[in-house]
Amino acid sequence: MSQTLSPERVRADVAELLGCDPTEIAPDDNLFDLGLDSVRIMTLVERWRSGGAADLEFPDLAEQPELAHWTALLTGGTA
């Protein structure tokens, strides 16, 4: 994966699709429980592929729908 996405961007993109403030999402929250669905995950996959995560696939996100996991996967950092 590319290192071009920042933890702040990952959090902000997720919050935008959930319609909440980025600070409302805890790193270990289950994003499906917060209202994220498969259509929104595909939106994020496409957005983040364009942002540099060219190898990102839907299962990478769907198998562990937590902000901390996604941040580590996309940035190599923590949420």
N, C-alpha and C. Protein backbone atom coordinates (compact mmCIF):
# COMPACT_ATOMS: atom_id res chain seq x y z
N MET A 1 0.83 -1.19 0.00
CA MET A 1 0.00 0.00 0.00
C MET A 1 0.88 1.25 0.00
N SER A 2 0.32 2.29 -0.51
CA SER A 2 1.04 3.56 -0.56
C SER A 2 0.96 4.29 0.78
N GLN A 3 1.89 5.16 0.99
CA GLN A 3 1.92 5.97 2.22
C GLN A 3 1.36 7.37 1.98
N THR A 4 0.63 7.58 0.88
CA THR A 4 0.18 8.94 0.55
C THR A 4 -1.06 9.37 1.32
N LEU A 5 -1.78 8.44 1.92
CA LEU A 5 -2.97 8.80 2.70
C LEU A 5 -2.57 9.04 4.15
N SER A 6 -3.11 10.09 4.73
CA SER A 6 -2.81 10.39 6.12
C SER A 6 -3.89 9.81 7.03
N PRO A 7 -3.54 9.54 8.29
CA PRO A 7 -4.57 9.09 9.25
C PRO A 7 -5.73 10.07 9.34
N GLU A 8 -5.44 11.36 9.24
CA GLU A 8 -6.49 12.38 9.32
C GLU A 8 -7.44 12.29 8.13
N ARG A 9 -6.88 12.03 6.96
CA ARG A 9 -7.74 11.90 5.77
C ARG A 9 -8.60 10.66 5.86
N VAL A 10 -8.04 9.55 6.31
CA VAL A 10 -8.82 8.32 6.44
C VAL A 10 -10.00 8.56 7.38
N ARG A 11 -9.72 9.15 8.53
CA ARG A 11 -10.77 9.44 9.52
C ARG A 11 -11.81 10.40 8.94
N ALA A 12 -11.35 11.46 8.27
CA ALA A 12 -12.27 12.46 7.72
C ALA A 12 -13.15 11.87 6.63
N ASP A 13 -12.58 11.02 5.77
CA ASP A 13 -13.36 10.40 4.70
C ASP A 13 -14.43 9.49 5.27
N VAL A 14 -14.09 8.70 6.28
CA VAL A 14 -15.07 7.82 6.92
C VAL A 14 -16.17 8.65 7.57
N ALA A 15 -15.78 9.68 8.31
CA ALA A 15 -16.76 10.53 9.00
C ALA A 15 -17.71 11.20 8.01
N GLU A 16 -17.17 11.62 6.87
CA GLU A 16 -18.00 12.26 5.85
C GLU A 16 -19.11 11.32 5.40
N LEU A 17 -18.77 10.07 5.14
CA LEU A 17 -19.78 9.12 4.67
C LEU A 17 -20.74 8.70 5.77
N LEU A 18 -20.30 8.78 7.01
CA LEU A 18 -21.19 8.46 8.13
C LEU A 18 -22.03 9.67 8.55
N GLY A 19 -21.66 10.85 8.07
CA GLY A 19 -22.38 12.05 8.42
C GLY A 19 -22.17 12.48 9.86
N CYS A 20 -20.94 12.29 10.34
CA CYS A 20 -20.64 12.67 11.72
C CYS A 20 -19.31 13.42 11.77
N ASP A 21 -19.00 13.94 12.96
CA ASP A 21 -17.73 14.60 13.17
C ASP A 21 -16.64 13.54 13.29
N PRO A 22 -15.46 13.77 12.70
CA PRO A 22 -14.38 12.78 12.80
C PRO A 22 -14.03 12.39 14.24
N THR A 23 -14.21 13.30 15.18
CA THR A 23 -13.85 12.99 16.57
C THR A 23 -14.83 12.02 17.22
N GLU A 24 -15.97 11.79 16.58
CA GLU A 24 -16.98 10.88 17.13
C GLU A 24 -16.65 9.41 16.86
N ILE A 25 -15.64 9.13 16.05
CA ILE A 25 -15.32 7.76 15.69
C ILE A 25 -14.12 7.29 16.50
N ALA A 26 -14.32 6.28 17.33
CA ALA A 26 -13.21 5.71 18.10
C ALA A 26 -12.44 4.74 17.22
N PRO A 27 -11.13 4.60 17.45
CA PRO A 27 -10.32 3.72 16.61
C PRO A 27 -10.83 2.28 16.53
N ASP A 28 -11.44 1.79 17.60
CA ASP A 28 -11.89 0.39 17.62
C ASP A 28 -13.38 0.22 17.41
N ASP A 29 -14.09 1.30 17.05
CA ASP A 29 -15.52 1.18 16.73
C ASP A 29 -15.70 0.30 15.51
N ASN A 30 -16.76 -0.53 15.53
CA ASN A 30 -17.15 -1.28 14.34
C ASN A 30 -17.90 -0.31 13.44
N LEU A 31 -17.35 -0.04 12.27
CA LEU A 31 -17.91 0.98 11.39
C LEU A 31 -19.25 0.55 10.79
N PHE A 32 -19.49 -0.75 10.70
CA PHE A 32 -20.81 -1.23 10.27
C PHE A 32 -21.85 -0.85 11.31
N ASP A 33 -21.49 -0.98 12.59
CA ASP A 33 -22.42 -0.62 13.67
C ASP A 33 -22.74 0.87 13.65
N LEU A 34 -21.82 1.68 13.15
CA LEU A 34 -22.04 3.13 13.07
C LEU A 34 -22.84 3.54 11.84
N GLY A 35 -23.11 2.59 10.95
CA GLY A 35 -23.94 2.89 9.79
C GLY A 35 -23.27 2.75 8.44
N LEU A 36 -21.99 2.41 8.42
CA LEU A 36 -21.31 2.22 7.14
C LEU A 36 -21.85 0.94 6.49
N ASP A 37 -22.04 0.98 5.19
CA ASP A 37 -22.52 -0.21 4.48
C ASP A 37 -21.58 -0.49 3.30
N SER A 38 -21.89 -1.57 2.59
CA SER A 38 -20.98 -2.01 1.52
C SER A 38 -20.87 -0.98 0.40
N VAL A 39 -21.93 -0.28 0.12
CA VAL A 39 -21.88 0.74 -0.94
C VAL A 39 -20.93 1.86 -0.53
N ARG A 40 -21.01 2.29 0.72
CA ARG A 40 -20.11 3.34 1.19
C ARG A 40 -18.66 2.85 1.24
N ILE A 41 -18.47 1.59 1.61
CA ILE A 41 -17.10 1.05 1.61
C ILE A 41 -16.53 1.07 0.20
N MET A 42 -17.33 0.73 -0.79
CA MET A 42 -16.84 0.77 -2.18
C MET A 42 -16.50 2.21 -2.58
N THR A 43 -17.28 3.18 -2.09
CA THR A 43 -16.96 4.58 -2.34
C THR A 43 -15.58 4.92 -1.77
N LEU A 44 -15.32 4.45 -0.54
CA LEU A 44 -14.01 4.69 0.08
C LEU A 44 -12.89 3.99 -0.67
N VAL A 45 -13.14 2.75 -1.10
CA VAL A 45 -12.13 2.01 -1.86
C VAL A 45 -11.73 2.81 -3.10
N GLU A 46 -12.72 3.29 -3.85
CA GLU A 46 -12.43 4.05 -5.06
C GLU A 46 -11.71 5.36 -4.74
N ARG A 47 -12.16 6.03 -3.70
CA ARG A 47 -11.54 7.30 -3.30
C ARG A 47 -10.09 7.09 -2.90
N TRP A 48 -9.84 6.05 -2.11
CA TRP A 48 -8.49 5.82 -1.61
C TRP A 48 -7.58 5.22 -2.67
N ARG A 49 -8.14 4.48 -3.62
CA ARG A 49 -7.32 4.04 -4.76
C ARG A 49 -6.82 5.26 -5.52
N SER A 50 -7.71 6.21 -5.75
CA SER A 50 -7.33 7.45 -6.44
C SER A 50 -6.31 8.24 -5.64
N GLY A 51 -6.37 8.09 -4.30
CA GLY A 51 -5.47 8.81 -3.42
C GLY A 51 -4.12 8.14 -3.24
N GLY A 52 -3.92 6.99 -3.88
CA GLY A 52 -2.62 6.36 -3.83
C GLY A 52 -2.60 4.91 -3.36
N ALA A 53 -3.72 4.42 -2.82
CA ALA A 53 -3.77 3.03 -2.34
C ALA A 53 -4.26 2.13 -3.48
N ALA A 54 -3.46 2.05 -4.53
CA ALA A 54 -3.87 1.40 -5.77
C ALA A 54 -4.24 -0.07 -5.60
N ASP A 55 -3.66 -0.75 -4.63
CA ASP A 55 -3.91 -2.19 -4.45
C ASP A 55 -5.06 -2.49 -3.50
N LEU A 56 -5.72 -1.46 -2.99
CA LEU A 56 -6.79 -1.66 -2.02
C LEU A 56 -7.97 -2.39 -2.64
N GLU A 57 -8.50 -3.37 -1.91
CA GLU A 57 -9.66 -4.14 -2.36
C GLU A 57 -10.74 -4.09 -1.29
N PHE A 58 -11.99 -4.31 -1.69
CA PHE A 58 -13.12 -4.29 -0.76
C PHE A 58 -12.90 -5.19 0.46
N PRO A 59 -12.47 -6.45 0.30
CA PRO A 59 -12.29 -7.30 1.49
C PRO A 59 -11.27 -6.77 2.49
N ASP A 60 -10.30 -5.99 2.02
CA ASP A 60 -9.30 -5.42 2.93
C ASP A 60 -9.98 -4.59 4.01
N LEU A 61 -11.06 -3.91 3.64
CA LEU A 61 -11.79 -3.06 4.58
C LEU A 61 -12.93 -3.81 5.26
N ALA A 62 -13.66 -4.61 4.50
CA ALA A 62 -14.87 -5.26 5.02
C ALA A 62 -14.57 -6.32 6.08
N GLU A 63 -13.42 -6.99 5.98
CA GLU A 63 -13.11 -8.07 6.93
C GLU A 63 -12.84 -7.56 8.33
N GLN A 64 -12.38 -6.34 8.46
CA GLN A 64 -12.11 -5.76 9.78
C GLN A 64 -12.49 -4.28 9.73
N PRO A 65 -13.80 -3.98 9.89
CA PRO A 65 -14.29 -2.61 9.71
C PRO A 65 -14.06 -1.72 10.93
N GLU A 66 -12.80 -1.49 11.24
CA GLU A 66 -12.43 -0.62 12.36
C GLU A 66 -11.48 0.45 11.85
N LEU A 67 -11.66 1.66 12.33
CA LEU A 67 -10.83 2.78 11.88
C LEU A 67 -9.35 2.51 12.10
N ALA A 68 -8.99 1.94 13.24
CA ALA A 68 -7.58 1.69 13.53
C ALA A 68 -6.97 0.73 12.51
N HIS A 69 -7.72 -0.31 12.15
CA HIS A 69 -7.21 -1.27 11.16
C HIS A 69 -7.06 -0.60 9.80
N TRP A 70 -8.07 0.16 9.40
CA TRP A 70 -8.01 0.81 8.10
C TRP A 70 -6.87 1.81 8.04
N THR A 71 -6.66 2.55 9.12
CA THR A 71 -5.59 3.54 9.17
C THR A 71 -4.23 2.86 9.04
N ALA A 72 -4.05 1.77 9.79
CA ALA A 72 -2.78 1.02 9.71
C ALA A 72 -2.57 0.47 8.31
N LEU A 73 -3.62 -0.07 7.72
CA LEU A 73 -3.54 -0.64 6.39
C LEU A 73 -3.17 0.40 5.34
N LEU A 74 -3.78 1.58 5.45
CA LEU A 74 -3.61 2.60 4.42
C LEU A 74 -2.42 3.52 4.63
N THR A 75 -1.99 3.69 5.86
CA THR A 75 -0.95 4.68 6.15
C THR A 75 0.28 4.10 6.82
N GLY A 76 0.13 2.92 7.38
CA GLY A 76 1.22 2.35 8.17
C GLY A 76 1.27 2.96 9.56
N GLY A 77 0.31 3.85 9.86
CA GLY A 77 0.26 4.52 11.17
C GLY A 77 -0.92 4.06 11.99
N THR A 78 -1.26 4.83 13.00
CA THR A 78 -2.39 4.51 13.85
C THR A 78 -3.44 5.61 13.77
N ALA A 79 -4.66 5.23 14.12
CA ALA A 79 -5.79 6.17 14.01
C ALA A 79 -5.67 7.30 15.01
